[in-house]
């Protein structure tokens, strides 16, 4: 646990915005704004926040679906962008599970071909018989029967399709799974089944997870550490037990108050108020200050830095000044 498997160093991603007949530039959306974190072998780090906070963009930057505007990503101690680094070989050790299990599966392929595709591309099975045996093993690992390999994706429920997606990801024998809201499209009871499956696979196979979610209740069941994102930045990063027991950032507290809890019935809560600012024209200073009940003049003028260790860091002037 001393050396991180993944290190993200000051990641920045801009998306240019164009309009009009000739595509005149209207500026750029800064989807990810100077984010750093480390992820250790066997650990689950969750990134949470409202829609549009940049968490899914971080996931796509890690696996190479988006190119960095600025920053550095290291995997197993190697800079993926450094000359001489075999980035393709390193990225083969990362796989991604997408939000919509139906959209991420080829509807014209049988499940056995979907799961076998990484085996064929990476040359992990020497013969067709070995490939069939490996596909059957992968389907059993995720709670499906080998006979299910003859079916098409539309013949399965949403939870079963997500199990197929997990089996396909495991076929590449990854060290890191980047999970982009893998349960948000599923019913609550099915969410619990998928989370339990992922926890079992992590323990059995020694997997490392970067888990993206907007739901803190889901994250509480699987994460070791949690990074709370707002407007492209991490505003709080802490061990899961610590964050859920004593959230420090005002935004984290508002997200916690939005979690249904029978024990809180009748007690005062602070709901998540207001709207996320326009990312084309973000507010000066702290990005959360237009919605924060503790904001003062410093919050409106100066952007807070993320201060503290990775087990309990927060970016908030009110916390730093002990006003909160």
C-alpha atoms as a PDB file:
ATOM      1  CA  UNK A   1       0.000   0.000   0.000  1.00  0.00           C
ATOM      2  CA  UNK A   2       3.042   2.303   0.052  1.00  0.00           C
ATOM      3  CA  UNK A   3       3.163   2.995  -3.699  1.00  0.00           C
ATOM      4  CA  UNK A   4      -0.006   4.089  -5.527  1.00  0.00           C
ATOM      5  CA  UNK A   5      -1.206   2.130  -8.525  1.00  0.00           C
ATOM      6  CA  UNK A   6      -2.607   5.326 -10.066  1.00  0.00           C
ATOM      7  CA  UNK A   7      -1.528   8.916  -9.522  1.00  0.00           C
ATOM      8  CA  UNK A   8      -3.402  11.846 -11.084  1.00  0.00           C
ATOM      9  CA  UNK A   9      -1.370  15.047 -10.913  1.00  0.00           C
ATOM     10  CA  UNK A  10      -3.133  18.385 -11.514  1.00  0.00           C
ATOM     11  CA  UNK A  11      -5.472  17.157 -14.249  1.00  0.00           C
ATOM     12  CA  UNK A  12      -7.123  19.812 -16.415  1.00  0.00           C
ATOM     13  CA  UNK A  13      -9.569  19.281 -19.263  1.00  0.00           C
ATOM     14  CA  UNK A  14     -11.085  22.059 -21.401  1.00  0.00           C
ATOM     15  CA  UNK A  15     -13.852  21.580 -23.966  1.00  0.00           C
ATOM     16  CA  UNK A  16     -14.042  24.391 -26.540  1.00  0.00           C
ATOM     17  CA  UNK A  17     -17.522  25.775 -27.172  1.00  0.00           C
ATOM     18  CA  UNK A  18     -18.390  27.032 -30.646  1.00  0.00           C
ATOM     19  CA  UNK A  19     -21.538  28.589 -32.056  1.00  0.00           C
ATOM     20  CA  UNK A  20     -22.866  30.077 -35.267  1.00  0.00           C
ATOM     21  CA  UNK A  21     -22.601  29.093 -38.902  1.00  0.00           C
ATOM     22  CA  UNK A  22     -18.800  29.372 -38.950  1.00  0.00           C
ATOM     23  CA  UNK A  23     -18.222  27.832 -35.539  1.00  0.00           C
ATOM     24  CA  UNK A  24     -17.099  31.019 -33.820  1.00  0.00           C
ATOM     25  CA  UNK A  25     -15.474  30.298 -30.467  1.00  0.00           C
ATOM     26  CA  UNK A  26     -17.503  31.159 -27.382  1.00  0.00           C
ATOM     27  CA  UNK A  27     -14.815  30.137 -24.932  1.00  0.00           C
ATOM     28  CA  UNK A  28     -14.243  26.834 -23.192  1.00  0.00           C
ATOM     29  CA  UNK A  29     -15.820  24.753 -20.482  1.00  0.00           C
ATOM     30  CA  UNK A  30     -13.267  23.773 -17.872  1.00  0.00           C
ATOM     31  CA  UNK A  31     -14.755  20.371 -17.029  1.00  0.00           C
ATOM     32  CA  UNK A  32     -11.817  19.329 -14.847  1.00  0.00           C
ATOM     33  CA  UNK A  33      -9.868  22.018 -13.038  1.00  0.00           C
ATOM     34  CA  UNK A  34      -6.586  21.059 -11.352  1.00  0.00           C
ATOM     35  CA  UNK A  35      -7.485  17.707  -9.758  1.00  0.00           C
ATOM     36  CA  UNK A  36      -4.941  15.499  -8.009  1.00  0.00           C
ATOM     37  CA  UNK A  37      -5.376  12.182  -6.197  1.00  0.00           C
ATOM     38  CA  UNK A  38      -3.725   8.817  -5.609  1.00  0.00           C
ATOM     39  CA  UNK A  39      -5.288   5.363  -5.769  1.00  0.00           C
ATOM     40  CA  UNK A  40      -3.643   2.425  -4.032  1.00  0.00           C
ATOM     41  CA  UNK A  41      -3.777  -1.293  -4.964  1.00  0.00           C
ATOM     42  CA  UNK A  42      -6.894  -3.026  -3.671  1.00  0.00           C
ATOM     43  CA  UNK A  43      -8.550   0.275  -2.733  1.00  0.00           C
ATOM     44  CA  UNK A  44     -11.832   1.830  -3.867  1.00  0.00           C
ATOM     45  CA  UNK A  45     -11.766   5.589  -4.371  1.00  0.00           C
ATOM     46  CA  UNK A  46     -15.150   7.135  -5.137  1.00  0.00           C
ATOM     47  CA  UNK A  47     -15.652  10.487  -6.867  1.00  0.00           C
ATOM     48  CA  UNK A  48     -19.093  11.931  -6.155  1.00  0.00           C
ATOM     49  CA  UNK A  49     -20.995  15.095  -6.976  1.00  0.00           C
ATOM     50  CA  UNK A  50     -23.941  16.508  -8.878  1.00  0.00           C
ATOM     51  CA  UNK A  51     -24.303  16.061 -12.626  1.00  0.00           C
ATOM     52  CA  UNK A  52     -21.871  18.278 -14.493  1.00  0.00           C
ATOM     53  CA  UNK A  53     -19.207  18.383 -11.776  1.00  0.00           C
ATOM     54  CA  UNK A  54     -16.624  16.656 -14.005  1.00  0.00           C
ATOM     55  CA  UNK A  55     -16.409  13.240 -12.337  1.00  0.00           C
ATOM     56  CA  UNK A  56     -17.177  11.246 -15.506  1.00  0.00           C
ATOM     57  CA  UNK A  57     -14.675  13.363 -17.425  1.00  0.00           C
ATOM     58  CA  UNK A  58     -12.010  12.325 -14.907  1.00  0.00           C
ATOM     59  CA  UNK A  59     -12.891   8.666 -15.546  1.00  0.00           C
ATOM     60  CA  UNK A  60     -12.510   9.107 -19.299  1.00  0.00           C
ATOM     61  CA  UNK A  61      -9.208  10.942 -18.891  1.00  0.00           C
ATOM     62  CA  UNK A  62      -7.824   8.062 -16.830  1.00  0.00           C
ATOM     63  CA  UNK A  63      -8.626   5.380 -19.418  1.00  0.00           C
ATOM     64  CA  UNK A  64      -7.588   7.568 -22.368  1.00  0.00           C
ATOM     65  CA  UNK A  65     -10.988   8.247 -23.942  1.00  0.00           C
ATOM     66  CA  UNK A  66     -10.268  11.975 -23.566  1.00  0.00           C
ATOM     67  CA  UNK A  67      -6.903  13.684 -24.010  1.00  0.00           C
ATOM     68  CA  UNK A  68      -5.591  15.832 -21.182  1.00  0.00           C
ATOM     69  CA  UNK A  69      -5.457  19.590 -21.644  1.00  0.00           C
ATOM     70  CA  UNK A  70      -2.848  19.694 -18.915  1.00  0.00           C
ATOM     71  CA  UNK A  71      -1.548  17.478 -16.131  1.00  0.00           C
ATOM     72  CA  UNK A  72      -0.035  14.032 -15.752  1.00  0.00           C
ATOM     73  CA  UNK A  73      -1.312  10.516 -15.142  1.00  0.00           C
ATOM     74  CA  UNK A  74       0.990   7.851 -13.725  1.00  0.00           C
ATOM     75  CA  UNK A  75       0.098   4.166 -13.662  1.00  0.00           C
ATOM     76  CA  UNK A  76       2.230   1.727 -11.694  1.00  0.00           C
ATOM     77  CA  UNK A  77       4.896   4.431 -11.368  1.00  0.00           C
ATOM     78  CA  UNK A  78       5.097   5.227 -15.097  1.00  0.00           C
ATOM     79  CA  UNK A  79       3.999   8.491 -16.743  1.00  0.00           C
ATOM     80  CA  UNK A  80       1.545   7.510 -19.494  1.00  0.00           C
ATOM     81  CA  UNK A  81       2.602  10.469 -21.650  1.00  0.00           C
ATOM     82  CA  UNK A  82       6.381  10.158 -21.184  1.00  0.00           C
ATOM     83  CA  UNK A  83       8.525   9.292 -24.247  1.00  0.00           C
ATOM     84  CA  UNK A  84       9.363   5.597 -24.324  1.00  0.00           C
ATOM     85  CA  UNK A  85       6.406   4.574 -22.153  1.00  0.00           C
ATOM     86  CA  UNK A  86       4.237   1.852 -23.688  1.00  0.00           C
ATOM     87  CA  UNK A  87       0.999   3.595 -22.784  1.00  0.00           C
ATOM     88  CA  UNK A  88      -1.112   1.086 -24.721  1.00  0.00           C
ATOM     89  CA  UNK A  89       0.269  -1.825 -22.681  1.00  0.00           C
ATOM     90  CA  UNK A  90      -0.368   0.031 -19.431  1.00  0.00           C
ATOM     91  CA  UNK A  91      -3.907   1.013 -20.427  1.00  0.00           C
ATOM     92  CA  UNK A  92      -4.696  -2.652 -21.132  1.00  0.00           C
ATOM     93  CA  UNK A  93      -4.437  -3.090 -17.378  1.00  0.00           C
ATOM     94  CA  UNK A  94      -7.346  -0.633 -17.002  1.00  0.00           C
ATOM     95  CA  UNK A  95     -10.913  -1.427 -18.001  1.00  0.00           C
ATOM     96  CA  UNK A  96     -14.086   0.646 -17.803  1.00  0.00           C
ATOM     97  CA  UNK A  97     -17.651  -0.211 -16.820  1.00  0.00           C
ATOM     98  CA  UNK A  98     -20.155   2.254 -18.268  1.00  0.00           C
ATOM     99  CA  UNK A  99     -23.384   3.666 -16.852  1.00  0.00           C
ATOM    100  CA  UNK A 100     -25.860   2.198 -19.348  1.00  0.00           C
ATOM    101  CA  UNK A 101     -25.252  -1.552 -19.685  1.00  0.00           C
ATOM    102  CA  UNK A 102     -27.445  -1.827 -22.769  1.00  0.00           C
ATOM    103  CA  UNK A 103     -25.820   1.020 -24.728  1.00  0.00           C
ATOM    104  CA  UNK A 104     -22.329  -0.347 -23.989  1.00  0.00           C
ATOM    105  CA  UNK A 105     -23.087  -3.843 -25.371  1.00  0.00           C
ATOM    106  CA  UNK A 106     -23.299  -4.631 -29.088  1.00  0.00           C
ATOM    107  CA  UNK A 107     -26.969  -5.674 -29.587  1.00  0.00           C
ATOM    108  CA  UNK A 108     -26.070  -7.800 -32.636  1.00  0.00           C
ATOM    109  CA  UNK A 109     -23.495  -9.943 -30.858  1.00  0.00           C
ATOM    110  CA  UNK A 110     -24.135 -12.940 -28.697  1.00  0.00           C
ATOM    111  CA  UNK A 111     -22.910 -12.584 -25.132  1.00  0.00           C
ATOM    112  CA  UNK A 112     -20.122 -15.119 -25.677  1.00  0.00           C
ATOM    113  CA  UNK A 113     -18.652 -12.899 -28.408  1.00  0.00           C
ATOM    114  CA  UNK A 114     -19.025  -9.754 -26.293  1.00  0.00           C
ATOM    115  CA  UNK A 115     -17.138 -11.311 -23.383  1.00  0.00           C
ATOM    116  CA  UNK A 116     -14.565 -12.954 -25.681  1.00  0.00           C
ATOM    117  CA  UNK A 117     -13.659  -9.759 -27.550  1.00  0.00           C
ATOM    118  CA  UNK A 118     -10.910  -8.656 -25.083  1.00  0.00           C
ATOM    119  CA  UNK A 119      -9.490 -12.194 -25.130  1.00  0.00           C
ATOM    120  CA  UNK A 120      -9.163 -12.033 -28.908  1.00  0.00           C
ATOM    121  CA  UNK A 121      -7.839  -8.474 -29.110  1.00  0.00           C
ATOM    122  CA  UNK A 122      -5.242  -9.024 -26.378  1.00  0.00           C
ATOM    123  CA  UNK A 123      -4.354 -12.558 -27.443  1.00  0.00           C
ATOM    124  CA  UNK A 124      -5.174 -14.053 -24.044  1.00  0.00           C
ATOM    125  CA  UNK A 125      -6.520 -17.389 -25.352  1.00  0.00           C
ATOM    126  CA  UNK A 126      -4.368 -19.666 -27.465  1.00  0.00           C
ATOM    127  CA  UNK A 127      -7.210 -21.781 -28.860  1.00  0.00           C
ATOM    128  CA  UNK A 128     -10.959 -21.554 -29.424  1.00  0.00           C
ATOM    129  CA  UNK A 129     -11.513 -24.207 -26.778  1.00  0.00           C
ATOM    130  CA  UNK A 130      -9.511 -22.178 -24.228  1.00  0.00           C
ATOM    131  CA  UNK A 131     -11.540 -19.093 -25.181  1.00  0.00           C
ATOM    132  CA  UNK A 132     -14.852 -20.904 -24.644  1.00  0.00           C
ATOM    133  CA  UNK A 133     -13.697 -22.186 -21.258  1.00  0.00           C
ATOM    134  CA  UNK A 134     -12.545 -18.728 -20.189  1.00  0.00           C
ATOM    135  CA  UNK A 135     -15.852 -17.125 -21.268  1.00  0.00           C
ATOM    136  CA  UNK A 136     -17.787 -19.749 -19.305  1.00  0.00           C
ATOM    137  CA  UNK A 137     -15.602 -19.089 -16.254  1.00  0.00           C
ATOM    138  CA  UNK A 138     -16.128 -15.316 -16.509  1.00  0.00           C
ATOM    139  CA  UNK A 139     -19.902 -15.699 -16.790  1.00  0.00           C
ATOM    140  CA  UNK A 140     -19.933 -17.916 -13.701  1.00  0.00           C
ATOM    141  CA  UNK A 141     -17.820 -15.345 -11.826  1.00  0.00           C
ATOM    142  CA  UNK A 142     -20.495 -12.688 -12.296  1.00  0.00           C
ATOM    143  CA  UNK A 143     -23.408 -14.945 -11.388  1.00  0.00           C
ATOM    144  CA  UNK A 144     -24.547 -16.025 -14.862  1.00  0.00           C
ATOM    145  CA  UNK A 145     -24.623 -19.464 -16.469  1.00  0.00           C
ATOM    146  CA  UNK A 146     -22.286 -20.484 -19.323  1.00  0.00           C
ATOM    147  CA  UNK A 147     -25.420 -21.194 -21.406  1.00  0.00           C
ATOM    148  CA  UNK A 148     -26.252 -17.471 -21.228  1.00  0.00           C
ATOM    149  CA  UNK A 149     -23.410 -16.892 -23.671  1.00  0.00           C
ATOM    150  CA  UNK A 150     -25.680 -17.982 -26.528  1.00  0.00           C
ATOM    151  CA  UNK A 151     -28.191 -15.197 -25.854  1.00  0.00           C
ATOM    152  CA  UNK A 152     -28.297 -11.576 -27.031  1.00  0.00           C
ATOM    153  CA  UNK A 153     -28.179  -8.534 -24.679  1.00  0.00           C
ATOM    154  CA  UNK A 154     -31.876  -7.704 -25.148  1.00  0.00           C
ATOM    155  CA  UNK A 155     -32.806 -11.036 -23.563  1.00  0.00           C
ATOM    156  CA  UNK A 156     -31.449  -9.953 -20.172  1.00  0.00           C
ATOM    157  CA  UNK A 157     -32.596  -7.582 -17.445  1.00  0.00           C
ATOM    158  CA  UNK A 158     -30.656  -4.402 -16.654  1.00  0.00           C
ATOM    159  CA  UNK A 159     -28.819  -5.997 -13.746  1.00  0.00           C
ATOM    160  CA  UNK A 160     -27.878  -9.034 -15.827  1.00  0.00           C
ATOM    161  CA  UNK A 161     -26.604  -6.800 -18.626  1.00  0.00           C
ATOM    162  CA  UNK A 162     -24.384  -4.997 -16.133  1.00  0.00           C
ATOM    163  CA  UNK A 163     -23.040  -8.391 -15.034  1.00  0.00           C
ATOM    164  CA  UNK A 164     -22.154  -9.045 -18.675  1.00  0.00           C
ATOM    165  CA  UNK A 165     -20.353  -5.690 -18.812  1.00  0.00           C
ATOM    166  CA  UNK A 166     -18.379  -6.645 -15.707  1.00  0.00           C
ATOM    167  CA  UNK A 167     -17.491 -10.034 -17.210  1.00  0.00           C
ATOM    168  CA  UNK A 168     -16.243  -8.325 -20.372  1.00  0.00           C
ATOM    169  CA  UNK A 169     -14.126  -5.927 -18.289  1.00  0.00           C
ATOM    170  CA  UNK A 170     -12.628  -8.812 -16.306  1.00  0.00           C
ATOM    171  CA  UNK A 171     -11.735 -10.675 -19.513  1.00  0.00           C
ATOM    172  CA  UNK A 172      -8.796  -8.315 -20.041  1.00  0.00           C
ATOM    173  CA  UNK A 173      -7.345  -9.302 -16.634  1.00  0.00           C
ATOM    174  CA  UNK A 174      -7.180  -5.676 -15.418  1.00  0.00           C
ATOM    175  CA  UNK A 175      -5.635  -4.300 -12.253  1.00  0.00           C
ATOM    176  CA  UNK A 176      -7.869  -1.196 -12.277  1.00  0.00           C
ATOM    177  CA  UNK A 177     -11.584  -0.951 -13.020  1.00  0.00           C
ATOM    178  CA  UNK A 178     -12.952   2.525 -13.710  1.00  0.00           C
ATOM    179  CA  UNK A 179     -16.667   2.333 -12.919  1.00  0.00           C
ATOM    180  CA  UNK A 180     -18.707   5.240 -14.322  1.00  0.00           C
ATOM    181  CA  UNK A 181     -21.997   5.193 -12.379  1.00  0.00           C
ATOM    182  CA  UNK A 182     -22.389   1.413 -12.889  1.00  0.00           C
ATOM    183  CA  UNK A 183     -25.568   1.169 -10.785  1.00  0.00           C
ATOM    184  CA  UNK A 184     -27.412   4.431 -11.502  1.00  0.00           C
ATOM    185  CA  UNK A 185     -29.548   2.905 -14.293  1.00  0.00           C
ATOM    186  CA  UNK A 186     -30.667  -0.011 -12.089  1.00  0.00           C
ATOM    187  CA  UNK A 187     -33.424  -0.560  -9.532  1.00  0.00           C
ATOM    188  CA  UNK A 188     -32.436  -0.139  -5.896  1.00  0.00           C
ATOM    189  CA  UNK A 189     -32.592  -3.877  -5.106  1.00  0.00           C
ATOM    190  CA  UNK A 190     -30.494  -4.686  -8.177  1.00  0.00           C
ATOM    191  CA  UNK A 191     -27.998  -1.954  -7.242  1.00  0.00           C
ATOM    192  CA  UNK A 192     -27.301  -3.785  -3.994  1.00  0.00           C
ATOM    193  CA  UNK A 193     -26.702  -7.054  -5.865  1.00  0.00           C
ATOM    194  CA  UNK A 194     -24.222  -5.431  -8.248  1.00  0.00           C
ATOM    195  CA  UNK A 195     -22.388  -3.665  -5.412  1.00  0.00           C
ATOM    196  CA  UNK A 196     -22.124  -6.941  -3.493  1.00  0.00           C
ATOM    197  CA  UNK A 197     -20.803  -8.657  -6.613  1.00  0.00           C
ATOM    198  CA  UNK A 198     -18.178  -5.945  -7.140  1.00  0.00           C
ATOM    199  CA  UNK A 199     -17.055  -6.205  -3.514  1.00  0.00           C
ATOM    200  CA  UNK A 200     -16.721  -9.993  -3.815  1.00  0.00           C
ATOM    201  CA  UNK A 201     -14.738  -9.719  -7.053  1.00  0.00           C
ATOM    202  CA  UNK A 202     -12.454  -7.089  -5.554  1.00  0.00           C
ATOM    203  CA  UNK A 203     -11.640  -9.308  -2.590  1.00  0.00           C
ATOM    204  CA  UNK A 204     -11.190 -12.435  -4.711  1.00  0.00           C
ATOM    205  CA  UNK A 205      -9.203 -10.914  -7.587  1.00  0.00           C
ATOM    206  CA  UNK A 206      -7.389  -8.064  -5.818  1.00  0.00           C
ATOM    207  CA  UNK A 207      -8.978  -5.390  -8.008  1.00  0.00           C
ATOM    208  CA  UNK A 208      -8.656  -1.632  -7.586  1.00  0.00           C
ATOM    209  CA  UNK A 209     -11.702   0.559  -8.268  1.00  0.00           C
ATOM    210  CA  UNK A 210     -12.170   4.176  -9.275  1.00  0.00           C
ATOM    211  CA  UNK A 211     -15.909   4.472  -8.646  1.00  0.00           C
ATOM    212  CA  UNK A 212     -17.899   7.378 -10.102  1.00  0.00           C
ATOM    213  CA  UNK A 213     -21.311   8.170  -8.631  1.00  0.00           C
ATOM    214  CA  UNK A 214     -23.719  10.980  -7.816  1.00  0.00           C
ATOM    215  CA  UNK A 215     -25.228   8.963  -4.967  1.00  0.00           C
ATOM    216  CA  UNK A 216     -23.502   9.122  -1.577  1.00  0.00           C
ATOM    217  CA  UNK A 217     -25.748   6.353  -0.263  1.00  0.00           C
ATOM    218  CA  UNK A 218     -24.354   3.975  -2.897  1.00  0.00           C
ATOM    219  CA  UNK A 219     -20.787   5.110  -2.269  1.00  0.00           C
ATOM    220  CA  UNK A 220     -21.074   4.416   1.457  1.00  0.00           C
ATOM    221  CA  UNK A 221     -21.360   0.668   0.726  1.00  0.00           C
ATOM    222  CA  UNK A 222     -18.239   0.267  -1.393  1.00  0.00           C
ATOM    223  CA  UNK A 223     -15.715   3.121  -1.004  1.00  0.00           C
ATOM    224  CA  UNK A 224     -12.587   3.227   1.150  1.00  0.00           C
ATOM    225  CA  UNK A 225     -12.027   6.914   0.390  1.00  0.00           C
ATOM    226  CA  UNK A 226     -14.343   9.520  -1.112  1.00  0.00           C
ATOM    227  CA  UNK A 227     -13.554  12.605  -3.170  1.00  0.00           C
ATOM    228  CA  UNK A 228     -16.402  15.134  -3.392  1.00  0.00           C
ATOM    229  CA  UNK A 229     -16.322  17.176  -6.598  1.00  0.00           C
ATOM    230  CA  UNK A 230     -17.912  20.510  -7.397  1.00  0.00           C
ATOM    231  CA  UNK A 231     -17.536  22.509 -10.621  1.00  0.00           C
ATOM    232  CA  UNK A 232     -14.510  20.556 -11.816  1.00  0.00           C
ATOM    233  CA  UNK A 233     -12.597  20.535  -8.524  1.00  0.00           C
ATOM    234  CA  UNK A 234     -12.266  18.246  -5.509  1.00  0.00           C
ATOM    235  CA  UNK A 235     -13.614  20.126  -2.481  1.00  0.00           C
ATOM    236  CA  UNK A 236     -13.235  17.317   0.073  1.00  0.00           C
ATOM    237  CA  UNK A 237     -11.191  14.111   0.090  1.00  0.00           C
ATOM    238  CA  UNK A 238     -11.381  11.793   3.088  1.00  0.00           C
ATOM    239  CA  UNK A 239     -11.646   8.220   4.272  1.00  0.00           C
ATOM    240  CA  UNK A 240     -15.227   7.048   3.803  1.00  0.00           C
ATOM    241  CA  UNK A 241     -15.922   6.369   7.494  1.00  0.00           C
ATOM    242  CA  UNK A 242     -14.584   9.776   8.437  1.00  0.00           C
ATOM    243  CA  UNK A 243     -16.488  11.629   5.737  1.00  0.00           C
ATOM    244  CA  UNK A 244     -19.846  10.016   6.525  1.00  0.00           C
ATOM    245  CA  UNK A 245     -19.378  10.464  10.286  1.00  0.00           C
ATOM    246  CA  UNK A 246     -18.265  14.108  10.136  1.00  0.00           C
ATOM    247  CA  UNK A 247     -18.448  15.829   6.722  1.00  0.00           C
ATOM    248  CA  UNK A 248     -16.551  19.122   6.759  1.00  0.00           C
ATOM    249  CA  UNK A 249     -17.255  20.995   3.511  1.00  0.00           C
ATOM    250  CA  UNK A 250     -20.677  22.750   3.312  1.00  0.00           C
ATOM    251  CA  UNK A 251     -21.379  21.091  -0.039  1.00  0.00           C
ATOM    252  CA  UNK A 252     -20.641  17.624   1.375  1.00  0.00           C
ATOM    253  CA  UNK A 253     -22.980  18.360   4.277  1.00  0.00           C
ATOM    254  CA  UNK A 254     -25.755  19.360   1.895  1.00  0.00           C
ATOM    255  CA  UNK A 255     -25.281  16.166  -0.129  1.00  0.00           C
ATOM    256  CA  UNK A 256     -25.415  14.145   3.083  1.00  0.00           C
ATOM    257  CA  UNK A 257     -28.656  15.864   4.097  1.00  0.00           C
ATOM    258  CA  UNK A 258     -30.193  14.774   0.795  1.00  0.00           C
ATOM    259  CA  UNK A 259     -29.729  11.068   1.626  1.00  0.00           C
ATOM    260  CA  UNK A 260     -33.041   9.491   2.786  1.00  0.00           C
ATOM    261  CA  UNK A 261     -32.694   8.450   6.431  1.00  0.00           C
ATOM    262  CA  UNK A 262     -35.544   7.379   8.722  1.00  0.00           C
ATOM    263  CA  UNK A 263     -33.511   8.377  11.787  1.00  0.00           C
ATOM    264  CA  UNK A 264     -33.506  11.977  10.528  1.00  0.00           C
ATOM    265  CA  UNK A 265     -37.308  12.159  10.208  1.00  0.00           C
ATOM    266  CA  UNK A 266     -38.538  15.407  11.735  1.00  0.00           C
ATOM    267  CA  UNK A 267     -35.022  16.796  12.246  1.00  0.00           C
ATOM    268  CA  UNK A 268     -33.842  19.973  10.481  1.00  0.00           C
ATOM    269  CA  UNK A 269     -31.888  19.474   7.270  1.00  0.00           C
ATOM    270  CA  UNK A 270     -30.062  21.780   4.880  1.00  0.00           C
ATOM    271  CA  UNK A 271     -31.107  20.752   1.363  1.00  0.00           C
ATOM    272  CA  UNK A 272     -28.871  21.324  -1.659  1.00  0.00           C
ATOM    273  CA  UNK A 273     -30.120  24.755  -2.682  1.00  0.00           C
ATOM    274  CA  UNK A 274     -29.593  26.795  -5.830  1.00  0.00           C
ATOM    275  CA  UNK A 275     -28.204  25.755  -9.200  1.00  0.00           C
ATOM    276  CA  UNK A 276     -24.736  24.811 -10.391  1.00  0.00           C
ATOM    277  CA  UNK A 277     -23.177  27.966 -11.937  1.00  0.00           C
ATOM    278  CA  UNK A 278     -22.696  28.277 -15.683  1.00  0.00           C
ATOM    279  CA  UNK A 279     -19.404  26.483 -16.418  1.00  0.00           C
ATOM    280  CA  UNK A 280     -18.721  28.971 -19.232  1.00  0.00           C
ATOM    281  CA  UNK A 281     -18.685  31.771 -16.655  1.00  0.00           C
ATOM    282  CA  UNK A 282     -17.791  30.241 -13.273  1.00  0.00           C
ATOM    283  CA  UNK A 283     -17.903  32.547 -10.246  1.00  0.00           C
ATOM    284  CA  UNK A 284     -14.741  34.121  -8.890  1.00  0.00           C
ATOM    285  CA  UNK A 285     -13.257  32.784  -5.697  1.00  0.00           C
ATOM    286  CA  UNK A 286     -14.808  29.617  -4.317  1.00  0.00           C
ATOM    287  CA  UNK A 287     -17.081  28.055  -6.939  1.00  0.00           C
ATOM    288  CA  UNK A 288     -19.594  27.089  -4.265  1.00  0.00           C
ATOM    289  CA  UNK A 289     -19.967  30.533  -2.664  1.00  0.00           C
ATOM    290  CA  UNK A 290     -23.237  31.502  -4.483  1.00  0.00           C
ATOM    291  CA  UNK A 291     -24.946  28.532  -2.786  1.00  0.00           C
ATOM    292  CA  UNK A 292     -23.057  28.467   0.514  1.00  0.00           C
ATOM    293  CA  UNK A 293     -24.692  29.845   3.688  1.00  0.00           C
ATOM    294  CA  UNK A 294     -21.233  30.394   5.231  1.00  0.00           C
ATOM    295  CA  UNK A 295     -19.668  32.431   2.390  1.00  0.00           C
ATOM    296  CA  UNK A 296     -18.006  35.779   3.151  1.00  0.00           C
ATOM    297  CA  UNK A 297     -15.953  38.328   1.205  1.00  0.00           C
ATOM    298  CA  UNK A 298     -12.867  36.107   1.124  1.00  0.00           C
ATOM    299  CA  UNK A 299     -14.891  33.223  -0.327  1.00  0.00           C
ATOM    300  CA  UNK A 300     -16.126  35.486  -3.132  1.00  0.00           C
ATOM    301  CA  UNK A 301     -12.619  36.700  -4.009  1.00  0.00           C
ATOM    302  CA  UNK A 302     -10.136  33.875  -3.293  1.00  0.00           C
ATOM    303  CA  UNK A 303     -10.330  30.272  -4.402  1.00  0.00           C
ATOM    304  CA  UNK A 304      -9.563  27.891  -1.503  1.00  0.00           C
ATOM    305  CA  UNK A 305      -6.855  25.253  -1.832  1.00  0.00           C
ATOM    306  CA  UNK A 306      -7.380  21.608  -0.889  1.00  0.00           C
ATOM    307  CA  UNK A 307      -5.565  21.424   2.444  1.00  0.00           C
ATOM    308  CA  UNK A 308      -4.752  18.369   4.513  1.00  0.00           C
ATOM    309  CA  UNK A 309      -3.715  14.732   3.953  1.00  0.00           C
ATOM    310  CA  UNK A 310      -5.467  12.391   1.530  1.00  0.00           C
ATOM    311  CA  UNK A 311      -7.291  10.859   4.503  1.00  0.00           C
ATOM    312  CA  UNK A 312      -8.986  14.168   5.366  1.00  0.00           C
ATOM    313  CA  UNK A 313      -8.461  17.183   3.072  1.00  0.00           C
ATOM    314  CA  UNK A 314     -10.930  20.012   2.476  1.00  0.00           C
ATOM    315  CA  UNK A 315     -11.011  23.153   0.322  1.00  0.00           C
ATOM    316  CA  UNK A 316     -13.015  25.678   2.355  1.00  0.00           C
ATOM    317  CA  UNK A 317     -12.105  29.040   3.894  1.00  0.00           C
ATOM    318  CA  UNK A 318     -14.786  28.633   6.575  1.00  0.00           C
ATOM    319  CA  UNK A 319     -13.234  25.349   7.712  1.00  0.00           C
ATOM    320  CA  UNK A 320      -9.708  26.776   7.538  1.00  0.00           C
ATOM    321  CA  UNK A 321     -10.754  29.804   9.651  1.00  0.00           C
ATOM    322  CA  UNK A 322     -12.752  27.553  12.012  1.00  0.00           C
ATOM    323  CA  UNK A 323     -15.971  29.366  11.276  1.00  0.00           C
ATOM    324  CA  UNK A 324     -17.506  25.997  10.439  1.00  0.00           C
END
